[in-house]
Amino acid sequence: MPLPEGFSPWEHLQAVVLQSYNRTVRSQFRDLGGDDWDEDITSGRGALRVACTVKDDDSANMVAIRMMLFYMTLRQASDLHPPLYTMPSDRYQQTVRFSPQITLYFREDLDEVEQGYKPIDSQISFRIRGETETTFTPANALTWANRIRSEFATGGGWRWRKGRVKLSYRDLERGYNLAIHAVSESEGRQVIAKVLSLQGDTIDNDNLVIAELGGTPPIVPGTQVIYGESRRLPRKRPVGNVRFRYAEVHIWGVNKAVTLVDMTLRRGNALIYA
């Protein structure tokens, strides 16, 4: 069948984008409301939704910029590749079955990053005691999200100081195999205690091993000619403040981790934005 008389490729493309792409945008920002949402740029997520949503009178350039903002900046191009555990998650789950695991992510504030380096980060993971992929439900996930928000996502995000004292806490029966690199033993104990409190547990010193970094490598190493260029040497157990940014739960049988709490405003499936 030939195209209708007066067919406009641009009008057709724009109509398809309005229907399909905007549906994805609405889903990303579903916490703000559905089709009847009143546009509001006074909040961070509201401003992002307005900026990403394609309008009927947009030019081609505006449509392209909105889509680039959404897919490349906001979602950090995650839609262009599958979630990975150093391999596609579905392939990993074909060979490894695991209990639900929560991971807390921390990252250094950008204004504190040492010049020439990426922000210091840290992640702390533990298994949820007594749960399996069949017993862990969306209601359980929301309970965990509220618990984590109360403990870690208030006051701009809970901060701790990462450093050169390694505290290993191992209690597999309760789901813990933690390795915390803190600036001091007391700081590391505080981090472990806060993580354990999420399941109502306290530190058992029999499960704790403390080791300080041998030697005193510089906090800011010098440079060395590597591959024909003078490059900054990697840091060994860098020292700096890291702040809670988001938490997610990995569930066997669900390829993409579910974001429980998000303070970055960049993760699309968060149960709670803080």
Protein backbone atom coordinates (compact mmCIF):
# COMPACT_ATOMS: atom_id res chain seq x y z
CA MET A 1 0.00 0.00 0.00
CA PRO A 2 1.49 3.39 -0.96
CA LEU A 3 2.01 6.10 1.62
CA PRO A 4 -0.95 8.47 2.01
CA GLU A 5 -1.04 11.66 0.00
CA GLY A 6 0.78 14.48 1.73
CA PHE A 7 2.69 12.06 4.00
CA SER A 8 5.32 13.85 6.10
CA PRO A 9 8.25 11.68 7.26
CA TRP A 10 9.02 14.13 10.05
CA GLU A 11 5.46 14.30 11.34
CA HIS A 12 5.26 10.49 11.26
CA LEU A 13 8.59 10.10 13.09
CA GLN A 14 7.61 12.69 15.68
CA ALA A 15 4.28 10.94 16.31
CA VAL A 16 6.02 7.60 16.87
CA VAL A 17 8.55 9.22 19.22
CA LEU A 18 5.77 10.96 21.17
CA GLN A 19 3.98 7.65 21.63
CA SER A 20 6.87 5.27 22.34
CA TYR A 21 9.71 7.35 23.78
CA ASN A 22 7.51 9.50 26.03
CA ARG A 23 5.99 6.32 27.45
CA THR A 24 9.50 5.32 28.59
CA VAL A 25 10.05 8.78 30.09
CA ARG A 26 6.76 8.55 32.01
CA SER A 27 7.79 5.15 33.35
CA GLN A 28 11.18 6.53 34.44
CA PHE A 29 9.47 9.30 36.39
CA ARG A 30 6.35 7.39 37.43
CA ASP A 31 6.85 8.46 41.05
CA LEU A 32 5.79 11.98 39.97
CA GLY A 33 2.53 10.88 38.35
CA GLY A 34 1.08 9.54 35.10
CA ASP A 35 -0.26 11.25 31.97
CA ASP A 36 -2.15 13.77 34.07
CA TRP A 37 0.98 15.02 35.86
CA ASP A 38 1.17 18.81 36.08
CA GLU A 39 4.58 19.92 34.86
CA ASP A 40 6.66 21.28 37.72
CA ILE A 41 10.34 22.25 37.51
CA THR A 42 10.73 23.24 41.17
CA SER A 43 12.06 19.78 42.08
CA GLY A 44 15.11 18.06 40.60
CA ARG A 45 13.18 15.13 39.18
CA GLY A 46 10.39 17.35 37.94
CA ALA A 47 12.87 19.51 36.04
CA LEU A 48 14.46 16.42 34.51
CA ARG A 49 11.09 15.01 33.40
CA VAL A 50 10.13 18.28 31.71
CA ALA A 51 13.51 18.49 29.98
CA CYS A 52 13.35 14.90 28.72
CA THR A 53 9.74 14.85 27.50
CA VAL A 54 9.30 15.41 23.74
CA LYS A 55 6.69 18.02 22.82
CA ASP A 56 4.54 18.12 19.68
CA ASP A 57 6.06 21.40 18.50
CA ASP A 58 9.71 20.40 19.10
CA SER A 59 12.20 20.74 16.26
CA ALA A 60 14.28 17.76 15.20
CA ASN A 61 17.25 19.15 17.15
CA MET A 62 15.17 19.52 20.31
CA VAL A 63 13.96 15.94 20.03
CA ALA A 64 17.53 14.69 19.59
CA ILE A 65 18.83 16.70 22.57
CA ARG A 66 16.00 15.54 24.82
CA MET A 67 16.68 11.90 23.91
CA MET A 68 20.43 12.32 24.42
CA LEU A 69 19.82 13.87 27.85
CA PHE A 70 17.58 10.96 28.81
CA TYR A 71 19.54 8.01 27.44
CA MET A 72 23.15 9.23 27.51
CA THR A 73 23.28 11.53 30.55
CA LEU A 74 20.46 10.53 32.88
CA ARG A 75 20.66 6.77 32.29
CA GLN A 76 24.41 6.88 31.56
CA ALA A 77 23.93 4.82 28.36
CA SER A 78 22.93 1.80 30.46
CA ASP A 79 20.23 0.96 27.91
CA LEU A 80 22.94 0.29 25.32
CA HIS A 81 24.32 -2.75 27.14
CA PRO A 82 22.98 -5.44 29.48
CA PRO A 83 23.55 -5.26 33.26
CA LEU A 84 26.88 -6.93 34.01
CA TYR A 85 28.50 -9.01 36.73
CA THR A 86 31.67 -8.88 34.61
CA MET A 87 29.47 -10.81 32.18
CA PRO A 88 25.84 -10.46 31.10
CA SER A 89 23.73 -11.07 34.19
CA ASP A 90 21.54 -13.72 32.53
CA ARG A 91 24.63 -15.78 31.69
CA TYR A 92 25.92 -15.45 35.25
CA GLN A 93 22.58 -16.57 36.67
CA GLN A 94 22.64 -19.66 34.47
CA THR A 95 25.57 -20.98 36.51
CA VAL A 96 25.28 -19.30 39.92
CA ARG A 97 22.22 -19.29 42.16
CA PHE A 98 22.31 -16.84 45.05
CA SER A 99 20.28 -15.45 47.91
CA PRO A 100 18.96 -11.87 47.62
CA GLN A 101 21.85 -9.46 48.10
CA ILE A 102 21.72 -5.78 49.04
CA THR A 103 24.53 -3.48 47.93
CA LEU A 104 25.12 0.01 49.35
CA TYR A 105 27.08 2.40 47.12
CA PHE A 106 29.15 5.32 48.42
CA ARG A 107 31.03 7.94 46.42
CA GLU A 108 33.27 10.94 47.11
CA ASP A 109 31.76 14.39 46.59
CA LEU A 110 33.01 15.94 43.35
CA ASP A 111 34.31 19.08 45.06
CA GLU A 112 36.60 16.92 47.22
CA VAL A 113 38.13 14.82 44.43
CA GLU A 114 41.92 15.03 44.17
CA GLN A 115 42.95 16.56 40.85
CA GLY A 116 43.89 13.92 38.31
CA TYR A 117 41.86 11.14 39.95
CA LYS A 118 38.34 9.80 39.77
CA PRO A 119 36.13 10.04 42.87
CA ILE A 120 36.84 7.51 45.61
CA ASP A 121 34.02 5.03 45.91
CA SER A 122 33.01 2.04 47.99
CA GLN A 123 30.35 -0.62 47.95
CA ILE A 124 29.20 -2.83 50.80
CA SER A 125 27.13 -5.94 50.14
CA PHE A 126 25.37 -8.46 52.35
CA ARG A 127 22.84 -11.26 51.95
CA ILE A 128 19.32 -10.91 53.32
CA ARG A 129 18.95 -13.52 56.03
CA GLY A 130 16.12 -16.04 55.60
CA GLU A 131 15.02 -14.91 52.12
CA THR A 132 15.09 -16.58 48.71
CA GLU A 133 14.08 -15.39 45.26
CA THR A 134 10.63 -16.89 45.83
CA THR A 135 9.98 -15.37 49.26
CA PHE A 136 11.42 -11.91 48.58
CA THR A 137 8.58 -9.72 47.29
CA PRO A 138 8.16 -6.09 46.15
CA ALA A 139 6.66 -5.39 49.57
CA ASN A 140 9.84 -6.74 51.20
CA ALA A 141 11.90 -4.54 48.91
CA LEU A 142 9.95 -1.43 49.91
CA THR A 143 10.42 -2.27 53.59
CA TRP A 144 14.16 -2.50 53.00
CA ALA A 145 14.13 0.74 51.01
CA ASN A 146 12.49 2.62 53.88
CA ARG A 147 14.92 1.12 56.36
CA ILE A 148 17.96 2.10 54.26
CA ARG A 149 16.60 5.60 53.65
CA SER A 150 16.26 6.14 57.40
CA GLU A 151 19.79 4.94 58.12
CA PHE A 152 21.77 6.23 55.14
CA ALA A 153 19.82 8.74 53.03
CA THR A 154 19.15 11.57 55.47
CA GLY A 155 21.06 14.80 55.90
CA GLY A 156 22.38 14.75 52.36
CA GLY A 157 23.58 11.14 52.64
CA TRP A 158 25.56 9.42 55.40
CA ARG A 159 29.33 9.89 55.09
CA TRP A 160 32.26 7.93 56.38
CA ARG A 161 35.98 8.22 55.84
CA LYS A 162 37.64 5.59 53.73
CA GLY A 163 41.29 4.81 54.41
CA ARG A 164 44.00 2.27 55.07
CA VAL A 165 42.78 0.14 57.94
CA LYS A 166 41.06 -3.01 56.66
CA LEU A 167 38.30 -4.51 58.78
CA SER A 168 37.04 -7.91 57.62
CA TYR A 169 33.77 -9.10 59.10
CA ARG A 170 32.71 -12.65 58.24
CA ASP A 171 29.52 -14.31 59.47
CA LEU A 172 28.15 -16.29 56.55
CA GLU A 173 25.26 -17.72 58.56
CA ARG A 174 23.91 -14.19 58.91
CA GLY A 175 24.85 -13.13 55.38
CA TYR A 176 27.98 -11.06 56.06
CA ASN A 177 31.35 -11.15 54.33
CA LEU A 178 32.38 -7.51 54.62
CA ALA A 179 35.69 -5.86 53.81
CA ILE A 180 35.79 -2.23 54.97
CA HIS A 181 38.79 0.03 54.28
CA ALA A 182 38.44 2.83 56.81
CA VAL A 183 40.66 5.62 58.07
CA SER A 184 40.73 4.06 61.54
CA GLU A 185 39.51 1.03 63.48
CA SER A 186 36.83 3.09 65.22
CA GLU A 187 35.59 4.45 61.90
CA GLY A 188 35.45 0.97 60.40
CA ARG A 189 33.59 -0.41 63.39
CA GLN A 190 31.04 2.38 63.04
CA VAL A 191 30.45 1.47 59.38
CA ILE A 192 30.09 -2.25 60.15
CA ALA A 193 27.76 -1.58 63.07
CA LYS A 194 25.53 0.62 60.91
CA VAL A 195 25.30 -2.02 58.17
CA LEU A 196 24.57 -4.80 60.67
CA SER A 197 21.87 -2.71 62.33
CA LEU A 198 19.77 -2.97 59.17
CA GLN A 199 19.08 -6.61 60.13
CA GLY A 200 19.04 -5.96 63.86
CA ASP A 201 22.52 -7.42 64.39
CA THR A 202 25.51 -6.21 66.42
CA ILE A 203 29.24 -6.79 65.99
CA ASP A 204 30.62 -10.07 67.27
CA ASN A 205 34.35 -9.48 67.81
CA ASP A 206 35.05 -13.16 67.08
CA ASN A 207 34.04 -12.49 63.47
CA LEU A 208 36.19 -9.37 63.09
CA VAL A 209 39.77 -9.21 61.75
CA ILE A 210 41.68 -5.91 61.61
CA ALA A 211 44.77 -5.28 59.47
CA GLU A 212 46.62 -2.03 58.86
CA LEU A 213 48.33 -1.28 55.58
CA GLY A 214 52.02 -2.09 55.73
CA GLY A 215 54.30 0.85 54.91
CA THR A 216 53.19 4.41 54.28
CA PRO A 217 52.61 4.96 50.56
CA PRO A 218 51.83 8.60 49.73
CA ILE A 219 48.21 9.66 49.82
CA VAL A 220 48.83 11.48 46.52
CA PRO A 221 51.43 9.47 44.55
CA GLY A 222 53.79 11.05 42.07
CA THR A 223 53.96 10.51 38.33
CA GLN A 224 55.80 8.06 36.13
CA VAL A 225 56.30 7.69 32.39
CA ILE A 226 53.94 4.89 31.35
CA TYR A 227 53.19 4.00 27.76
CA GLY A 228 55.11 7.02 26.54
CA GLU A 229 53.41 9.58 28.74
CA SER A 230 53.84 10.98 32.23
CA ARG A 231 50.92 9.58 34.20
CA ARG A 232 49.73 9.83 37.77
CA LEU A 233 50.41 6.58 39.63
CA PRO A 234 47.45 4.68 41.09
CA ARG A 235 46.64 5.27 44.74
CA LYS A 236 46.86 2.43 47.23
CA ARG A 237 43.87 2.42 49.57
CA PRO A 238 42.99 6.08 48.92
CA VAL A 239 41.90 8.25 51.83
CA GLY A 240 38.78 10.40 51.63
CA ASN A 241 35.16 10.88 52.60
CA VAL A 242 32.56 8.81 50.76
CA ARG A 243 28.85 9.58 50.87
CA PHE A 244 25.87 7.24 50.43
CA ARG A 245 24.48 7.55 46.89
CA TYR A 246 22.16 4.58 46.29
CA ALA A 247 21.27 1.03 47.30
CA GLU A 248 20.06 -1.87 45.19
CA VAL A 249 19.03 -5.48 45.64
CA HIS A 250 20.15 -8.32 43.37
CA ILE A 251 17.63 -11.16 43.08
CA TRP A 252 18.29 -14.46 41.32
CA GLY A 253 15.99 -14.70 38.31
CA VAL A 254 15.76 -10.91 37.90
CA ASN A 255 18.42 -9.80 35.43
CA LYS A 256 18.55 -6.15 36.46
CA ALA A 257 19.08 -5.12 40.06
CA VAL A 258 16.20 -3.27 41.71
CA THR A 259 17.19 0.14 43.03
CA LEU A 260 15.87 0.54 46.56
CA VAL A 261 16.98 4.09 47.36
CA ASP A 262 18.49 6.63 44.97
CA MET A 263 20.03 9.98 45.91
CA THR A 264 21.55 10.59 42.44
CA LEU A 265 18.15 11.03 40.71
CA ARG A 266 19.64 9.07 37.80
CA ARG A 267 18.39 5.53 38.34
CA GLY A 268 15.19 4.63 36.57
CA ASN A 269 13.60 1.97 38.76
CA ALA A 270 14.17 3.29 42.27
CA LEU A 271 11.52 2.51 44.86
CA ILE A 272 12.45 5.65 46.82
CA TYR A 273 14.16 8.83 45.62
CA ALA A 274 15.79 10.72 48.48
